[in-house]
């Protein structure tokens, strides 16, 4: 469900304070845990370290990101792969073909 238009977007005040303290073009990473904060035009060009639950992921804010949330650009889940018989067969087929391709190159 979207946030009420009457309330306006959620913008973390501490983030705006940190952004205003740093000059434009500075490569300093601003660490944040506020994944729900909306990206504003003042944040464009800055590097943010958005926490994914385990570590901070470096996100460079560009103009196309304005209006989105910070958490959208730092995935909190890592997709390993689907398992099953077909996946094992494909993996074994790739491993068998990989060594022969490297021998032919020399």
PDB file of N, CA and C in Angstrom:
ATOM      1  N   UNK A   1       0.840  -1.169   0.000  1.00  0.00           N
ATOM      2  CA  UNK A   1       0.000   0.000   0.000  1.00  0.00           C
ATOM      3  C   UNK A   1       0.894   1.245   0.000  1.00  0.00           C
ATOM      4  N   UNK A   2       0.538   2.219  -0.777  1.00  0.00           N
ATOM      5  CA  UNK A   2       1.327   3.438  -0.894  1.00  0.00           C
ATOM      6  C   UNK A   2       1.079   4.365   0.300  1.00  0.00           C
ATOM      7  N   UNK A   3       2.009   5.252   0.513  1.00  0.00           N
ATOM      8  CA  UNK A   3       1.884   6.232   1.587  1.00  0.00           C
ATOM      9  C   UNK A   3       0.896   7.314   1.162  1.00  0.00           C
ATOM     10  N   UNK A   4       0.189   7.858   2.102  1.00  0.00           N
ATOM     11  CA  UNK A   4      -0.816   8.878   1.844  1.00  0.00           C
ATOM     12  C   UNK A   4      -0.198  10.129   1.211  1.00  0.00           C
ATOM     13  N   UNK A   5      -0.854  10.676   0.203  1.00  0.00           N
ATOM     14  CA  UNK A   5      -0.373  11.908  -0.418  1.00  0.00           C
ATOM     15  C   UNK A   5      -0.417  13.075   0.553  1.00  0.00           C
ATOM     16  N   UNK A   6      -1.347  13.025   1.483  1.00  0.00           N
ATOM     17  CA  UNK A   6      -1.459  14.066   2.489  1.00  0.00           C
ATOM     18  C   UNK A   6      -0.200  14.123   3.366  1.00  0.00           C
ATOM     19  N   UNK A   7       0.368  12.963   3.679  1.00  0.00           N
ATOM     20  CA  UNK A   7       1.568  12.912   4.503  1.00  0.00           C
ATOM     21  C   UNK A   7       2.828  13.274   3.721  1.00  0.00           C
ATOM     22  N   UNK A   8       2.864  12.939   2.459  1.00  0.00           N
ATOM     23  CA  UNK A   8       4.058  13.185   1.659  1.00  0.00           C
ATOM     24  C   UNK A   8       5.029  12.029   1.771  1.00  0.00           C
ATOM     25  N   UNK A   9       6.116  12.064   1.016  1.00  0.00           N
ATOM     26  CA  UNK A   9       7.076  10.959   1.043  1.00  0.00           C
ATOM     27  C   UNK A   9       7.858  10.921   2.353  1.00  0.00           C
ATOM     28  N   UNK A  10       8.292   9.712   2.747  1.00  0.00           N
ATOM     29  CA  UNK A  10       9.114   9.562   3.936  1.00  0.00           C
ATOM     30  C   UNK A  10      10.554   9.877   3.560  1.00  0.00           C
ATOM     31  N   UNK A  11      11.097  10.896   4.169  1.00  0.00           N
ATOM     32  CA  UNK A  11      12.477  11.296   3.946  1.00  0.00           C
ATOM     33  C   UNK A  11      13.144  11.382   5.307  1.00  0.00           C
ATOM     34  N   UNK A  12      14.218  10.648   5.484  1.00  0.00           N
ATOM     35  CA  UNK A  12      14.925  10.645   6.759  1.00  0.00           C
ATOM     36  C   UNK A  12      15.657  11.973   6.939  1.00  0.00           C
ATOM     37  N   UNK A  13      15.323  12.702   7.981  1.00  0.00           N
ATOM     38  CA  UNK A  13      15.909  14.023   8.226  1.00  0.00           C
ATOM     39  C   UNK A  13      17.416  13.944   8.462  1.00  0.00           C
ATOM     40  N   UNK A  14      17.855  12.866   9.126  1.00  0.00           N
ATOM     41  CA  UNK A  14      19.293  12.726   9.391  1.00  0.00           C
ATOM     42  C   UNK A  14      20.072  12.561   8.090  1.00  0.00           C
ATOM     43  N   UNK A  15      19.474  11.869   7.108  1.00  0.00           N
ATOM     44  CA  UNK A  15      20.138  11.711   5.817  1.00  0.00           C
ATOM     45  C   UNK A  15      20.284  13.057   5.108  1.00  0.00           C
ATOM     46  N   UNK A  16      19.230  13.852   5.124  1.00  0.00           N
ATOM     47  CA  UNK A  16      19.302  15.166   4.483  1.00  0.00           C
ATOM     48  C   UNK A  16      20.342  16.060   5.157  1.00  0.00           C
ATOM     49  N   UNK A  17      20.465  15.928   6.479  1.00  0.00           N
ATOM     50  CA  UNK A  17      21.452  16.708   7.215  1.00  0.00           C
ATOM     51  C   UNK A  17      22.871  16.290   6.813  1.00  0.00           C
ATOM     52  N   UNK A  18      23.081  14.967   6.653  1.00  0.00           N
ATOM     53  CA  UNK A  18      24.396  14.468   6.242  1.00  0.00           C
ATOM     54  C   UNK A  18      24.713  14.887   4.811  1.00  0.00           C
ATOM     55  N   UNK A  19      23.706  14.865   3.932  1.00  0.00           N
ATOM     56  CA  UNK A  19      23.912  15.254   2.539  1.00  0.00           C
ATOM     57  C   UNK A  19      24.266  16.732   2.448  1.00  0.00           C
ATOM     58  N   UNK A  20      23.607  17.562   3.226  1.00  0.00           N
ATOM     59  CA  UNK A  20      23.891  18.997   3.176  1.00  0.00           C
ATOM     60  C   UNK A  20      25.263  19.335   3.755  1.00  0.00           C
ATOM     61  N   UNK A  21      25.784  18.482   4.637  1.00  0.00           N
ATOM     62  CA  UNK A  21      27.095  18.723   5.234  1.00  0.00           C
ATOM     63  C   UNK A  21      28.232  18.371   4.281  1.00  0.00           C
ATOM     64  N   UNK A  22      27.974  17.503   3.312  1.00  0.00           N
ATOM     65  CA  UNK A  22      29.010  17.076   2.370  1.00  0.00           C
ATOM     66  C   UNK A  22      28.857  17.866   1.085  1.00  0.00           C
ATOM     67  N   UNK A  23      29.988  18.274   0.505  1.00  0.00           N
ATOM     68  CA  UNK A  23      29.919  19.040  -0.742  1.00  0.00           C
ATOM     69  C   UNK A  23      29.693  18.109  -1.934  1.00  0.00           C
ATOM     70  N   UNK A  24      29.125  18.633  -2.991  1.00  0.00           N
ATOM     71  CA  UNK A  24      28.806  17.868  -4.205  1.00  0.00           C
ATOM     72  C   UNK A  24      30.092  17.339  -4.842  1.00  0.00           C
ATOM     73  N   UNK A  25      30.076  16.095  -5.303  1.00  0.00           N
ATOM     74  CA  UNK A  25      31.229  15.492  -5.952  1.00  0.00           C
ATOM     75  C   UNK A  25      32.159  14.768  -5.000  1.00  0.00           C
ATOM     76  N   UNK A  26      31.918  14.882  -3.696  1.00  0.00           N
ATOM     77  CA  UNK A  26      32.733  14.180  -2.715  1.00  0.00           C
ATOM     78  C   UNK A  26      32.402  12.692  -2.764  1.00  0.00           C
ATOM     79  N   UNK A  27      33.416  11.845  -2.715  1.00  0.00           N
ATOM     80  CA  UNK A  27      33.221  10.400  -2.843  1.00  0.00           C
ATOM     81  C   UNK A  27      32.944   9.725  -1.495  1.00  0.00           C
ATOM     82  N   UNK A  28      32.723  10.494  -0.453  1.00  0.00           N
ATOM     83  CA  UNK A  28      32.454   9.940   0.866  1.00  0.00           C
ATOM     84  C   UNK A  28      31.161   9.123   0.838  1.00  0.00           C
ATOM     85  N   UNK A  29      31.207   7.939   1.433  1.00  0.00           N
ATOM     86  CA  UNK A  29      30.025   7.077   1.494  1.00  0.00           C
ATOM     87  C   UNK A  29      29.248   7.402   2.760  1.00  0.00           C
ATOM     88  N   UNK A  30      27.971   7.695   2.578  1.00  0.00           N
ATOM     89  CA  UNK A  30      27.083   7.996   3.704  1.00  0.00           C
ATOM     90  C   UNK A  30      26.381   6.702   4.088  1.00  0.00           C
ATOM     91  N   UNK A  31      26.732   6.148   5.247  1.00  0.00           N
ATOM     92  CA  UNK A  31      26.120   4.889   5.681  1.00  0.00           C
ATOM     93  C   UNK A  31      24.724   5.141   6.229  1.00  0.00           C
ATOM     94  N   UNK A  32      23.794   4.259   5.874  1.00  0.00           N
ATOM     95  CA  UNK A  32      22.429   4.405   6.363  1.00  0.00           C
ATOM     96  C   UNK A  32      21.765   3.050   6.521  1.00  0.00           C
ATOM     97  N   UNK A  33      20.865   3.005   7.481  1.00  0.00           N
ATOM     98  CA  UNK A  33      20.024   1.828   7.687  1.00  0.00           C
ATOM     99  C   UNK A  33      18.594   2.139   7.253  1.00  0.00           C
ATOM    100  N   UNK A  34      18.343   3.346   6.784  1.00  0.00           N
ATOM    101  CA  UNK A  34      16.994   3.794   6.418  1.00  0.00           C
ATOM    102  C   UNK A  34      16.670   3.354   4.984  1.00  0.00           C
ATOM    103  N   UNK A  35      16.321   2.090   4.811  1.00  0.00           N
ATOM    104  CA  UNK A  35      16.001   1.551   3.487  1.00  0.00           C
ATOM    105  C   UNK A  35      14.680   2.108   2.964  1.00  0.00           C
ATOM    106  N   UNK A  36      13.808   2.547   3.856  1.00  0.00           N
ATOM    107  CA  UNK A  36      12.486   3.029   3.455  1.00  0.00           C
ATOM    108  C   UNK A  36      12.489   4.507   3.072  1.00  0.00           C
ATOM    109  N   UNK A  37      13.626   5.173   3.201  1.00  0.00           N
ATOM    110  CA  UNK A  37      13.695   6.602   2.886  1.00  0.00           C
ATOM    111  C   UNK A  37      13.599   6.816   1.375  1.00  0.00           C
ATOM    112  N   UNK A  38      12.809   7.806   0.983  1.00  0.00           N
ATOM    113  CA  UNK A  38      12.644   8.141  -0.425  1.00  0.00           C
ATOM    114  C   UNK A  38      13.825   8.985  -0.896  1.00  0.00           C
ATOM    115  N   UNK A  39      14.283   8.718  -2.114  1.00  0.00           N
ATOM    116  CA  UNK A  39      15.399   9.455  -2.692  1.00  0.00           C
ATOM    117  C   UNK A  39      14.893  10.792  -3.222  1.00  0.00           C
ATOM    118  N   UNK A  40      15.557  11.876  -2.829  1.00  0.00           N
ATOM    119  CA  UNK A  40      15.168  13.222  -3.239  1.00  0.00           C
ATOM    120  C   UNK A  40      16.190  13.783  -4.222  1.00  0.00           C
ATOM    121  N   UNK A  41      15.852  14.844  -4.934  1.00  0.00           N
ATOM    122  CA  UNK A  41      16.808  15.434  -5.882  1.00  0.00           C
ATOM    123  C   UNK A  41      18.102  15.954  -5.229  1.00  0.00           C
ATOM    124  N   UNK A  42      18.056  16.293  -3.945  1.00  0.00           N
ATOM    125  CA  UNK A  42      19.265  16.752  -3.258  1.00  0.00           C
ATOM    126  C   UNK A  42      20.291  15.636  -3.099  1.00  0.00           C
ATOM    127  N   UNK A  43      19.869  14.378  -3.173  1.00  0.00           N
ATOM    128  CA  UNK A  43      20.755  13.242  -2.964  1.00  0.00           C
ATOM    129  C   UNK A  43      21.496  12.815  -4.231  1.00  0.00           C
ATOM    130  N   UNK A  44      21.148  13.372  -5.371  1.00  0.00           N
ATOM    131  CA  UNK A  44      21.741  12.960  -6.646  1.00  0.00           C
ATOM    132  C   UNK A  44      23.229  13.278  -6.649  1.00  0.00           C
ATOM    133  N   UNK A  45      24.030  12.284  -7.044  1.00  0.00           N
ATOM    134  CA  UNK A  45      25.481  12.448  -7.132  1.00  0.00           C
ATOM    135  C   UNK A  45      26.239  11.984  -5.903  1.00  0.00           C
ATOM    136  N   UNK A  46      25.541  11.582  -4.856  1.00  0.00           N
ATOM    137  CA  UNK A  46      26.199  11.127  -3.637  1.00  0.00           C
ATOM    138  C   UNK A  46      26.228   9.605  -3.571  1.00  0.00           C
ATOM    139  N   UNK A  47      27.199   9.088  -2.816  1.00  0.00           N
ATOM    140  CA  UNK A  47      27.320   7.652  -2.593  1.00  0.00           C
ATOM    141  C   UNK A  47      26.704   7.317  -1.234  1.00  0.00           C
ATOM    142  N   UNK A  48      25.813   6.317  -1.226  1.00  0.00           N
ATOM    143  CA  UNK A  48      25.202   5.862   0.018  1.00  0.00           C
ATOM    144  C   UNK A  48      25.580   4.413   0.257  1.00  0.00           C
ATOM    145  N   UNK A  49      25.836   4.086   1.508  1.00  0.00           N
ATOM    146  CA  UNK A  49      26.045   2.709   1.928  1.00  0.00           C
ATOM    147  C   UNK A  49      24.748   2.233   2.546  1.00  0.00           C
ATOM    148  N   UNK A  50      23.939   1.523   1.757  1.00  0.00           N
ATOM    149  CA  UNK A  50      22.621   1.082   2.215  1.00  0.00           C
ATOM    150  C   UNK A  50      22.764  -0.308   2.823  1.00  0.00           C
ATOM    151  N   UNK A  51      22.285  -0.453   4.054  1.00  0.00           N
ATOM    152  CA  UNK A  51      22.420  -1.715   4.773  1.00  0.00           C
ATOM    153  C   UNK A  51      21.434  -2.739   4.240  1.00  0.00           C
ATOM    154  N   UNK A  52      21.932  -3.955   3.966  1.00  0.00           N
ATOM    155  CA  UNK A  52      21.060  -5.013   3.447  1.00  0.00           C
ATOM    156  C   UNK A  52      20.750  -6.065   4.505  1.00  0.00           C
ATOM    157  N   UNK A  53      21.084  -5.779   5.741  1.00  0.00           N
ATOM    158  CA  UNK A  53      20.853  -6.734   6.823  1.00  0.00           C
ATOM    159  C   UNK A  53      22.128  -7.426   7.253  1.00  0.00           C
ATOM    160  N   UNK A  54      23.159  -7.345   6.424  1.00  0.00           N
ATOM    161  CA  UNK A  54      24.430  -7.999   6.712  1.00  0.00           C
ATOM    162  C   UNK A  54      25.602  -7.041   6.536  1.00  0.00           C
ATOM    163  N   UNK A  55      25.562  -6.270   5.469  1.00  0.00           N
ATOM    164  CA  UNK A  55      26.643  -5.328   5.173  1.00  0.00           C
ATOM    165  C   UNK A  55      26.057  -4.112   4.463  1.00  0.00           C
ATOM    166  N   UNK A  56      26.879  -3.094   4.260  1.00  0.00           N
ATOM    167  CA  UNK A  56      26.444  -1.905   3.541  1.00  0.00           C
ATOM    168  C   UNK A  56      26.815  -2.050   2.069  1.00  0.00           C
ATOM    169  N   UNK A  57      25.862  -1.817   1.182  1.00  0.00           N
ATOM    170  CA  UNK A  57      26.075  -1.905  -0.253  1.00  0.00           C
ATOM    171  C   UNK A  57      26.183  -0.490  -0.803  1.00  0.00           C
ATOM    172  N   UNK A  58      27.251  -0.233  -1.560  1.00  0.00           N
ATOM    173  CA  UNK A  58      27.490   1.095  -2.118  1.00  0.00           C
ATOM    174  C   UNK A  58      26.508   1.369  -3.254  1.00  0.00           C
ATOM    175  N   UNK A  59      25.785   2.474  -3.147  1.00  0.00           N
ATOM    176  CA  UNK A  59      24.800   2.876  -4.154  1.00  0.00           C
ATOM    177  C   UNK A  59      25.102   4.316  -4.549  1.00  0.00           C
ATOM    178  N   UNK A  60      25.359   4.544  -5.840  1.00  0.00           N
ATOM    179  CA  UNK A  60      25.539   5.898  -6.355  1.00  0.00           C
ATOM    180  C   UNK A  60      24.182   6.380  -6.842  1.00  0.00           C
ATOM    181  N   UNK A  61      23.715   7.480  -6.315  1.00  0.00           N
ATOM    182  CA  UNK A  61      22.388   7.996  -6.659  1.00  0.00           C
ATOM    183  C   UNK A  61      22.484   8.785  -7.959  1.00  0.00           C
ATOM    184  N   UNK A  62      21.656   8.396  -8.927  1.00  0.00           N
ATOM    185  CA  UNK A  62      21.571   9.103 -10.207  1.00  0.00           C
ATOM    186  C   UNK A  62      20.163   9.677 -10.341  1.00  0.00           C
ATOM    187  N   UNK A  63      19.966  10.498 -11.340  1.00  0.00           N
ATOM    188  CA  UNK A  63      18.721  11.242 -11.485  1.00  0.00           C
ATOM    189  C   UNK A  63      17.505  10.338 -11.673  1.00  0.00           C
ATOM    190  N   UNK A  64      17.679   9.184 -12.310  1.00  0.00           N
ATOM    191  CA  UNK A  64      16.556   8.277 -12.549  1.00  0.00           C
ATOM    192  C   UNK A  64      16.028   7.627 -11.276  1.00  0.00           C
ATOM    193  N   UNK A  65      16.787   7.662 -10.191  1.00  0.00           N
ATOM    194  CA  UNK A  65      16.399   7.022  -8.935  1.00  0.00           C
ATOM    195  C   UNK A  65      15.491   7.894  -8.071  1.00  0.00           C
ATOM    196  N   UNK A  66      15.341   9.160  -8.412  1.00  0.00           N
ATOM    197  CA  UNK A  66      14.549  10.082  -7.590  1.00  0.00           C
ATOM    198  C   UNK A  66      13.108   9.588  -7.513  1.00  0.00           C
ATOM    199  N   UNK A  67      12.577   9.529  -6.298  1.00  0.00           N
ATOM    200  CA  UNK A  67      11.216   9.056  -6.074  1.00  0.00           C
ATOM    201  C   UNK A  67      11.152   7.606  -5.637  1.00  0.00           C
ATOM    202  N   UNK A  68      12.241   6.864  -5.822  1.00  0.00           N
ATOM    203  CA  UNK A  68      12.290   5.469  -5.384  1.00  0.00           C
ATOM    204  C   UNK A  68      12.813   5.403  -3.952  1.00  0.00           C
ATOM    205  N   UNK A  69      12.801   4.215  -3.372  1.00  0.00           N
ATOM    206  CA  UNK A  69      13.305   4.007  -2.025  1.00  0.00           C
ATOM    207  C   UNK A  69      14.761   3.553  -2.090  1.00  0.00           C
ATOM    208  N   UNK A  70      15.546   3.859  -1.055  1.00  0.00           N
ATOM    209  CA  UNK A  70      16.944   3.441  -1.018  1.00  0.00           C
ATOM    210  C   UNK A  70      17.085   1.919  -1.016  1.00  0.00           C
ATOM    211  N   UNK A  71      16.174   1.233  -0.349  1.00  0.00           N
ATOM    212  CA  UNK A  71      16.253  -0.216  -0.235  1.00  0.00           C
ATOM    213  C   UNK A  71      16.056  -0.958  -1.547  1.00  0.00           C
ATOM    214  N   UNK A  72      15.478  -0.305  -2.553  1.00  0.00           N
ATOM    215  CA  UNK A  72      15.271  -0.960  -3.841  1.00  0.00           C
ATOM    216  C   UNK A  72      16.588  -1.254  -4.547  1.00  0.00           C
ATOM    217  N   UNK A  73      17.644  -0.540  -4.209  1.00  0.00           N
ATOM    218  CA  UNK A  73      18.914  -0.670  -4.899  1.00  0.00           C
ATOM    219  C   UNK A  73      19.945  -1.453  -4.094  1.00  0.00           C
ATOM    220  N   UNK A  74      19.527  -2.042  -2.984  1.00  0.00           N
ATOM    221  CA  UNK A  74      20.393  -2.884  -2.164  1.00  0.00           C
ATOM    222  C   UNK A  74      19.612  -4.140  -1.806  1.00  0.00           C
ATOM    223  N   UNK A  75      19.656  -5.162  -2.670  1.00  0.00           N
ATOM    224  CA  UNK A  75      18.863  -6.373  -2.405  1.00  0.00           C
ATOM    225  C   UNK A  75      19.280  -7.031  -1.093  1.00  0.00           C
ATOM    226  N   UNK A  76      18.295  -7.468  -0.337  1.00  0.00           N
ATOM    227  CA  UNK A  76      18.563  -8.066   0.969  1.00  0.00           C
ATOM    228  C   UNK A  76      18.595  -9.591   0.908  1.00  0.00           C
ATOM    229  N   UNK A  77      18.277 -10.155  -0.231  1.00  0.00           N
ATOM    230  CA  UNK A  77      18.300 -11.614  -0.395  1.00  0.00           C
ATOM    231  C   UNK A  77      19.168 -11.970  -1.590  1.00  0.00           C
ATOM    232  N   UNK A  78      19.915 -13.053  -1.457  1.00  0.00           N
ATOM    233  CA  UNK A  78      20.786 -13.507  -2.537  1.00  0.00           C
ATOM    234  C   UNK A  78      20.195 -14.768  -3.146  1.00  0.00           C
ATOM    235  N   UNK A  79      19.947 -14.724  -4.450  1.00  0.00           N
ATOM    236  CA  UNK A  79      19.418 -15.896  -5.136  1.00  0.00           C
ATOM    237  C   UNK A  79      20.577 -16.828  -5.458  1.00  0.00           C
ATOM    238  N   UNK A  80      20.546 -18.044  -4.931  1.00  0.00           N
ATOM    239  CA  UNK A  80      21.605 -19.015  -5.203  1.00  0.00           C
ATOM    240  C   UNK A  80      21.333 -19.663  -6.551  1.00  0.00           C
ATOM    241  N   UNK A  81      20.330 -20.475  -6.642  1.00  0.00           N
ATOM    242  CA  UNK A  81      19.854 -21.075  -7.890  1.00  0.00           C
ATOM    243  C   UNK A  81      18.806 -22.112  -7.549  1.00  0.00           C
ATOM    244  N   UNK A  82      18.043 -22.492  -8.541  1.00  0.00           N
ATOM    245  CA  UNK A  82      17.075 -23.552  -8.360  1.00  0.00           C
ATOM    246  C   UNK A  82      17.809 -24.884  -8.436  1.00  0.00           C
ATOM    247  N   UNK A  83      17.362 -25.825  -7.645  1.00  0.00           N
ATOM    248  CA  UNK A  83      17.998 -27.128  -7.642  1.00  0.00           C
ATOM    249  C   UNK A  83      17.253 -28.109  -8.519  1.00  0.00           C
ATOM    250  N   UNK A  84      17.514 -29.356  -8.298  1.00  0.00           N
ATOM    251  CA  UNK A  84      16.808 -30.384  -9.036  1.00  0.00           C
ATOM    252  C   UNK A  84      17.702 -31.129 -10.002  1.00  0.00           C
ATOM    253  N   UNK A  85      17.122 -32.139 -10.617  1.00  0.00           N
ATOM    254  CA  UNK A  85      17.852 -33.032 -11.508  1.00  0.00           C
ATOM    255  C   UNK A  85      18.355 -32.300 -12.757  1.00  0.00           C
ATOM    256  N   UNK A  86      17.499 -31.465 -13.354  1.00  0.00           N
ATOM    257  CA  UNK A  86      17.901 -30.755 -14.566  1.00  0.00           C
ATOM    258  C   UNK A  86      19.068 -29.798 -14.302  1.00  0.00           C
ATOM    259  N   UNK A  87      19.059 -29.123 -13.186  1.00  0.00           N
ATOM    260  CA  UNK A  87      20.129 -28.189 -12.860  1.00  0.00           C
ATOM    261  C   UNK A  87      21.454 -28.925 -12.674  1.00  0.00           C
ATOM    262  N   UNK A  88      21.435 -30.079 -12.034  1.00  0.00           N
ATOM    263  CA  UNK A  88      22.655 -30.864 -11.852  1.00  0.00           C
ATOM    264  C   UNK A  88      23.186 -31.347 -13.191  1.00  0.00           C
ATOM    265  N   UNK A  89      22.289 -31.783 -14.082  1.00  0.00           N
ATOM    266  CA  UNK A  89      22.717 -32.247 -15.405  1.00  0.00           C
ATOM    267  C   UNK A  89      23.350 -31.116 -16.212  1.00  0.00           C
ATOM    268  N   UNK A  90      22.754 -29.932 -16.153  1.00  0.00           N
ATOM    269  CA  UNK A  90      23.303 -28.794 -16.881  1.00  0.00           C
ATOM    270  C   UNK A  90      24.661 -28.378 -16.322  1.00  0.00           C
ATOM    271  N   UNK A  91      24.798 -28.412 -15.019  1.00  0.00           N
ATOM    272  CA  UNK A  91      26.062 -28.039 -14.388  1.00  0.00           C
ATOM    273  C   UNK A  91      27.160 -29.033 -14.749  1.00  0.00           C
ATOM    274  N   UNK A  92      26.833 -30.317 -14.757  1.00  0.00           N
ATOM    275  CA  UNK A  92      27.843 -31.316 -15.107  1.00  0.00           C
ATOM    276  C   UNK A  92      28.215 -31.219 -16.583  1.00  0.00           C
ATOM    277  N   UNK A  93      27.255 -30.895 -17.440  1.00  0.00           N
ATOM    278  CA  UNK A  93      27.540 -30.736 -18.866  1.00  0.00           C
ATOM    279  C   UNK A  93      28.449 -29.531 -19.110  1.00  0.00           C
ATOM    280  N   UNK A  94      28.230 -28.455 -18.379  1.00  0.00           N
ATOM    281  CA  UNK A  94      29.073 -27.274 -18.527  1.00  0.00           C
ATOM    282  C   UNK A  94      30.480 -27.537 -18.021  1.00  0.00           C
ATOM    283  N   UNK A  95      30.618 -28.279 -16.926  1.00  0.00           N
ATOM    284  CA  UNK A  95      31.951 -28.554 -16.374  1.00  0.00           C
ATOM    285  C   UNK A  95      32.741 -29.490 -17.286  1.00  0.00           C
ATOM    286  N   UNK A  96      32.054 -30.392 -17.986  1.00  0.00           N
ATOM    287  CA  UNK A  96      32.746 -31.289 -18.916  1.00  0.00           C
ATOM    288  C   UNK A  96      33.219 -30.535 -20.161  1.00  0.00           C
ATOM    289  N   UNK A  97      32.420 -29.575 -20.628  1.00  0.00           N
ATOM    290  CA  UNK A  97      32.784 -28.854 -21.840  1.00  0.00           C
ATOM    291  C   UNK A  97      33.790 -27.738 -21.583  1.00  0.00           C
ATOM    292  N   UNK A  98      33.898 -27.241 -20.383  1.00  0.00           N
ATOM    293  CA  UNK A  98      34.796 -26.130 -20.071  1.00  0.00           C
ATOM    294  C   UNK A  98      36.265 -26.505 -20.200  1.00  0.00           C
ATOM    295  N   UNK A  99      36.759 -27.649 -19.679  1.00  0.00           N
ATOM    296  CA  UNK A  99      38.186 -27.970 -19.817  1.00  0.00           C
ATOM    297  C   UNK A  99      38.614 -28.178 -21.271  1.00  0.00           C
ATOM    298  N   UNK A 100      37.762 -28.772 -22.102  1.00  0.00           N
ATOM    299  CA  UNK A 100      38.137 -29.000 -23.489  1.00  0.00           C
ATOM    300  C   UNK A 100      38.259 -27.699 -24.249  1.00  0.00           C
ATOM    301  N   UNK A 101      37.455 -26.701 -23.896  1.00  0.00           N
ATOM    302  CA  UNK A 101      37.516 -25.411 -24.562  1.00  0.00           C
ATOM    303  C   UNK A 101      38.805 -24.678 -24.196  1.00  0.00           C
ATOM    304  N   UNK A 102      39.275 -24.846 -22.966  1.00  0.00           N
ATOM    305  CA  UNK A 102      40.495 -24.155 -22.552  1.00  0.00           C
ATOM    306  C   UNK A 102      41.744 -24.816 -23.160  1.00  0.00           C
ATOM    307  N   UNK A 103      41.729 -26.130 -23.404  1.00  0.00           N
ATOM    308  CA  UNK A 103      42.873 -26.807 -24.011  1.00  0.00           C
ATOM    309  C   UNK A 103      43.034 -26.414 -25.474  1.00  0.00           C
ATOM    310  N   UNK A 104      41.923 -26.189 -26.162  1.00  0.00           N
ATOM    311  CA  UNK A 104      41.977 -25.853 -27.567  1.00  0.00           C
ATOM    312  C   UNK A 104      42.537 -24.464 -27.820  1.00  0.00           C
ATOM    313  N   UNK A 105      42.549 -23.599 -26.822  1.00  0.00           N
ATOM    314  CA  UNK A 105      43.010 -22.227 -26.973  1.00  0.00           C
ATOM    315  C   UNK A 105      44.516 -22.102 -27.067  1.00  0.00           C
ATOM    316  N   UNK A 106      45.279 -23.098 -26.590  1.00  0.00           N
ATOM    317  CA  UNK A 106      46.751 -23.007 -26.583  1.00  0.00           C
ATOM    318  C   UNK A 106      47.368 -23.625 -27.783  1.00  0.00           C
TER     319      UNK A 106
END
